[in-house]
């Protein structure tokens, strides 16, 4: 039986070939999360970036086990905010608020 590649695999391959695009990728996934609150999609995208950067290295920097990091970023993961913050720091980013414009009055 033929095994089909997943979207995550395509994204990972692309980001490995184009690491300069990771900044824009992370910005986009957090903007999408702010709009739709789809934590599963956010975690899947963070998992892709962590694999590109190295799961073992990220786990070590966050003080998590490799398995714990993988579990936190799994589709069933429910990481605490401090875990997400630690992961982002290990990736070289910070979680900072960004002012959004209120919807225009009609």
Protein backbone atom coordinates (compact mmCIF):
# COMPACT_ATOMS: atom_id res chain seq x y z
CA UNK A 1 0.00 0.00 0.00
CA UNK A 2 1.27 3.43 -0.90
CA UNK A 3 2.02 5.77 1.99
CA UNK A 4 1.00 9.36 1.40
CA UNK A 5 2.94 12.23 2.89
CA UNK A 6 1.21 14.50 5.37
CA UNK A 7 0.97 18.26 5.19
CA UNK A 8 3.27 18.42 8.24
CA UNK A 9 5.90 16.47 6.29
CA UNK A 10 5.68 18.89 3.36
CA UNK A 11 5.91 21.90 5.69
CA UNK A 12 8.89 20.38 7.50
CA UNK A 13 10.70 19.64 4.24
CA UNK A 14 10.03 23.17 2.99
CA UNK A 15 11.24 24.83 6.20
CA UNK A 16 14.39 22.67 6.21
CA UNK A 17 15.16 23.94 2.70
CA UNK A 18 14.10 27.53 3.54
CA UNK A 19 14.91 28.20 7.22
CA UNK A 20 14.71 31.94 6.55
CA UNK A 21 10.94 31.48 6.23
CA UNK A 22 10.47 30.25 9.82
CA UNK A 23 9.95 33.78 11.20
CA UNK A 24 7.09 34.46 8.80
CA UNK A 25 5.67 30.96 9.36
CA UNK A 26 5.53 31.47 13.13
CA UNK A 27 3.98 34.90 12.75
CA UNK A 28 1.32 33.46 10.46
CA UNK A 29 0.44 30.50 12.69
CA UNK A 30 0.04 32.73 15.74
CA UNK A 31 -2.09 35.19 13.76
CA UNK A 32 -4.31 32.31 12.61
CA UNK A 33 -4.54 31.05 16.20
CA UNK A 34 -5.59 34.53 17.37
CA UNK A 35 -8.43 34.43 14.84
CA UNK A 36 -9.69 30.86 15.15
CA UNK A 37 -8.38 29.56 18.53
CA UNK A 38 -7.41 26.25 16.89
CA UNK A 39 -4.82 25.07 19.39
CA UNK A 40 -4.39 21.76 17.53
CA UNK A 41 -3.23 23.57 14.40
CA UNK A 42 -0.94 25.82 16.44
CA UNK A 43 0.64 22.84 18.22
CA UNK A 44 1.07 20.96 14.93
CA UNK A 45 2.87 23.93 13.42
CA UNK A 46 5.08 24.37 16.49
CA UNK A 47 5.87 20.65 16.28
CA UNK A 48 7.01 21.13 12.66
CA UNK A 49 9.32 23.99 13.66
CA UNK A 50 10.66 22.02 16.64
CA UNK A 51 11.49 19.07 14.37
CA UNK A 52 13.27 21.38 11.94
CA UNK A 53 15.28 22.96 14.76
CA UNK A 54 15.83 19.64 16.58
CA UNK A 55 13.48 18.08 19.13
CA UNK A 56 16.30 16.93 21.44
CA UNK A 57 17.93 20.37 21.50
CA UNK A 58 14.62 22.14 22.14
CA UNK A 59 13.74 19.66 24.90
CA UNK A 60 17.10 20.23 26.59
CA UNK A 61 16.75 24.02 26.43
CA UNK A 62 13.23 23.91 27.87
CA UNK A 63 14.09 21.48 30.65
CA UNK A 64 11.57 19.01 29.27
CA UNK A 65 12.23 15.46 28.20
CA UNK A 66 12.15 14.71 24.51
CA UNK A 67 9.05 12.61 25.09
CA UNK A 68 7.43 15.36 27.20
CA UNK A 69 8.03 17.91 24.45
CA UNK A 70 6.59 15.60 21.83
CA UNK A 71 3.55 14.95 24.02
CA UNK A 72 3.03 18.68 24.67
CA UNK A 73 3.11 19.38 20.92
CA UNK A 74 1.00 16.37 19.94
CA UNK A 75 -2.51 16.68 18.55
CA UNK A 76 -3.77 15.63 22.00
CA UNK A 77 -1.35 17.94 23.78
CA UNK A 78 -2.52 20.54 26.22
CA UNK A 79 0.66 22.33 27.25
CA UNK A 80 0.64 24.96 29.96
CA UNK A 81 1.40 28.50 28.91
CA UNK A 82 4.79 28.30 30.62
CA UNK A 83 5.64 25.31 28.41
CA UNK A 84 4.68 27.17 25.25
CA UNK A 85 6.70 30.16 26.45
CA UNK A 86 9.74 27.93 27.13
CA UNK A 87 9.42 26.31 23.70
CA UNK A 88 9.20 29.70 22.01
CA UNK A 89 12.26 30.94 23.93
CA UNK A 90 14.19 27.82 22.90
CA UNK A 91 13.23 28.57 19.29
CA UNK A 92 14.54 32.12 19.74
CA UNK A 93 11.21 33.95 20.08
CA UNK A 94 9.11 35.53 22.79
CA UNK A 95 5.40 35.65 23.40
CA UNK A 96 4.51 39.32 23.41
CA UNK A 97 1.14 41.00 23.16
CA UNK A 98 0.25 42.86 20.01
CA UNK A 99 -2.48 45.50 20.02
CA UNK A 100 -5.29 44.65 17.66
CA UNK A 101 -7.63 47.15 16.13
CA UNK A 102 -11.23 46.90 17.31
CA UNK A 103 -13.76 46.16 14.57
CA UNK A 104 -14.96 49.27 12.78
CA UNK A 105 -18.34 50.56 13.91
CA UNK A 106 -21.00 50.08 11.27
